[in-house]
Structures are given as structure tokens and as C-alpha cells.
Amino acid sequence: MGRIITGLILILGIVFLVRGFMSDVKRHEKPPTQYIIRDDSRVGESGSEMVVINKNNFSWTDPTFVIKERYRYHYQGSLPPDAKITVPFGKFTTDEGNAFTKDNMLNFEFDIRTATMAR
């Protein structure tokens, strides 16, 4: 009986040591790299498209362009530095499939999210 109790105490001690070590490692992880997305974005000359230029010194991987936090356009691929993309407003859609229209143009916010930001 004494050996069983001693064994259990030893196992509990090892478990607490491992948990403490893992907690310490997790607490001292490096924070994720933060990227600032620099862009030149504007409504195109025709008024029916968004023109976006990557002003960063790194490529945007699989960028998602967002209008009014609801309408999204996901670009498949990489957009290198100084590259320009023109996206018709009709390609910006909600999760339900509703397209962005000129009726929604008054005071809209524009945002860019990329896979690069997740590194």
C-alpha cells in the first residue's frame, strides 16, 4: 500500500512539473509578427470599380478586399509590391451572395486582409 501511495505522489509531482514547464513556455512565446498593410485604394474613373495598389515591400498572399465589413472579394494568388488590381464593385459580395451596388457607395469603409498578416 505504501508503494502505491509513493508511486501516485511521484506521478502527481511529475505531472505538476510538466504543467508548470508548459505554462512557462507558453507565457514566454514570441508574439506574432504584426504587418501594416499599406495601399493606395480608390474608386476607379468609371465609378464602378475599386482600384488597389500594393504599397508594401512584400507580396500580399491571397488578399481579401472588404467594403463596409460585409462585401468581400477574395483574390486568389499573390499581389506583389507596386502591383495594381482593378475589381468591379459587382464582384464584392456578402456571405448571402448579394453584390455591392452604387446605391451603397455613400460613406463606405474599405479594408484589406491577407494571409501574410497571419504569419
Protein backbone atom coordinates (compact mmCIF):
# COMPACT_ATOMS: atom_id res chain seq x y z
CA MET A 1 0.00 0.00 0.00
CA GLY A 2 2.85 2.35 0.84
CA ARG A 3 4.45 1.73 -2.56
CA ILE A 4 1.20 2.62 -4.35
CA ILE A 5 0.86 5.91 -2.45
CA THR A 6 4.53 6.73 -3.09
CA GLY A 7 4.06 5.96 -6.80
CA LEU A 8 0.96 8.16 -7.02
CA ILE A 9 2.73 11.04 -5.27
CA LEU A 10 5.67 10.67 -7.67
CA ILE A 11 3.36 10.66 -10.71
CA LEU A 12 1.47 13.73 -9.42
CA GLY A 13 4.77 15.53 -8.84
CA ILE A 14 5.88 14.81 -12.40
CA VAL A 15 2.51 15.98 -13.80
CA PHE A 16 2.75 19.28 -11.88
CA LEU A 17 6.33 19.84 -13.05
CA VAL A 18 5.39 19.24 -16.70
CA ARG A 19 2.33 21.52 -16.43
CA GLY A 20 4.45 24.27 -14.86
CA PHE A 21 7.08 23.92 -17.57
CA MET A 22 4.48 24.06 -20.38
CA SER A 23 2.80 27.08 -18.80
CA ASP A 24 6.15 28.88 -18.58
CA VAL A 25 6.98 28.08 -22.22
CA LYS A 26 3.59 29.32 -23.39
CA ARG A 27 3.91 32.54 -21.39
CA HIS A 28 7.27 33.34 -22.98
CA GLU A 29 6.38 32.69 -26.64
CA LYS A 30 7.33 35.38 -29.13
CA PRO A 31 4.33 37.49 -30.11
CA PRO A 32 3.18 37.07 -33.72
CA THR A 33 4.68 39.39 -36.31
CA GLN A 34 2.45 42.36 -36.99
CA TYR A 35 2.26 43.65 -40.55
CA ILE A 36 0.94 47.04 -41.55
CA ILE A 37 -0.85 46.92 -44.89
CA ARG A 38 -0.03 50.00 -46.97
CA ASP A 39 -2.16 50.54 -50.01
CA ASP A 40 -3.41 53.14 -52.44
CA SER A 41 -7.10 52.40 -52.94
CA ARG A 42 -9.68 54.50 -54.75
CA VAL A 43 -12.82 54.30 -56.79
CA GLY A 44 -11.91 53.85 -60.45
CA GLU A 45 -12.54 56.50 -63.10
CA SER A 46 -15.69 54.76 -64.32
CA GLY A 47 -17.13 54.85 -60.78
CA SER A 48 -17.99 51.16 -60.94
CA GLU A 49 -14.75 49.61 -59.70
CA MET A 50 -12.17 49.69 -56.94
CA VAL A 51 -8.51 50.22 -57.87
CA VAL A 52 -5.98 48.97 -55.29
CA ILE A 53 -2.17 49.24 -55.40
CA ASN A 54 0.07 47.27 -53.02
CA LYS A 55 2.40 49.88 -51.48
CA ASN A 56 4.20 47.40 -49.20
CA ASN A 57 7.64 45.96 -49.86
CA PHE A 58 6.22 42.42 -49.60
CA SER A 59 3.61 40.49 -51.55
CA TRP A 60 0.07 40.12 -50.28
CA THR A 61 -0.84 36.43 -50.21
CA ASP A 62 -4.48 35.65 -51.03
CA PRO A 63 -5.78 39.14 -50.13
CA THR A 64 -9.42 39.71 -49.29
CA PHE A 65 -10.74 43.18 -50.04
CA VAL A 66 -13.63 44.24 -47.81
CA ILE A 67 -16.16 47.06 -48.22
CA LYS A 68 -18.39 48.06 -45.30
CA GLU A 69 -17.26 44.96 -43.36
CA ARG A 70 -19.82 42.89 -45.34
CA TYR A 71 -18.92 42.87 -49.01
CA ARG A 72 -15.85 40.79 -49.80
CA TYR A 73 -13.74 39.95 -52.81
CA HIS A 74 -11.11 37.24 -52.37
CA TYR A 75 -8.17 37.44 -54.79
CA GLN A 76 -6.61 34.02 -55.38
CA GLY A 77 -2.84 34.28 -55.55
CA SER A 78 -0.16 36.76 -54.62
CA LEU A 79 -0.17 40.50 -55.27
CA PRO A 80 3.47 41.68 -55.48
CA PRO A 81 4.72 45.11 -54.33
CA ASP A 82 3.53 48.02 -56.53
CA ALA A 83 1.07 45.73 -58.34
CA LYS A 84 -2.33 47.17 -59.20
CA ILE A 85 -5.63 45.32 -59.25
CA THR A 86 -8.95 46.65 -60.53
CA VAL A 87 -12.03 44.96 -59.09
CA PRO A 88 -15.55 45.74 -60.36
CA PHE A 89 -17.94 46.53 -57.49
CA GLY A 90 -20.19 43.68 -58.64
CA LYS A 91 -17.53 41.16 -57.55
CA PHE A 92 -17.79 42.32 -53.92
CA THR A 93 -20.49 40.12 -52.35
CA THR A 94 -21.91 39.33 -48.92
CA ASP A 95 -21.97 35.83 -47.44
CA GLU A 96 -25.52 35.57 -48.78
CA GLY A 97 -24.36 36.41 -52.33
CA ASN A 98 -25.69 39.99 -52.50
CA ALA A 99 -23.48 42.19 -54.69
CA PHE A 100 -22.25 45.67 -53.76
CA THR A 101 -24.04 48.34 -55.81
CA LYS A 102 -23.59 52.04 -56.43
CA ASP A 103 -26.56 52.63 -54.11
CA ASN A 104 -24.28 51.54 -51.23
CA MET A 105 -21.46 53.94 -52.14
CA LEU A 106 -22.23 56.73 -49.68
CA ASN A 107 -19.59 56.72 -46.91
CA PHE A 108 -18.19 53.24 -47.26
CA GLU A 109 -15.14 51.83 -45.48
CA PHE A 110 -12.53 49.76 -47.30
CA ASP A 111 -10.21 47.21 -45.68
CA ILE A 112 -7.64 44.65 -46.84
CA ARG A 113 -6.87 41.36 -45.11
CA THR A 114 -4.16 39.00 -46.30
CA ALA A 115 -2.77 35.59 -45.44
CA THR A 116 0.55 37.41 -44.99
CA MET A 117 -0.90 39.05 -41.88
CA ALA A 118 -1.35 35.66 -40.22
CA ARG A 119 2.34 34.81 -40.16
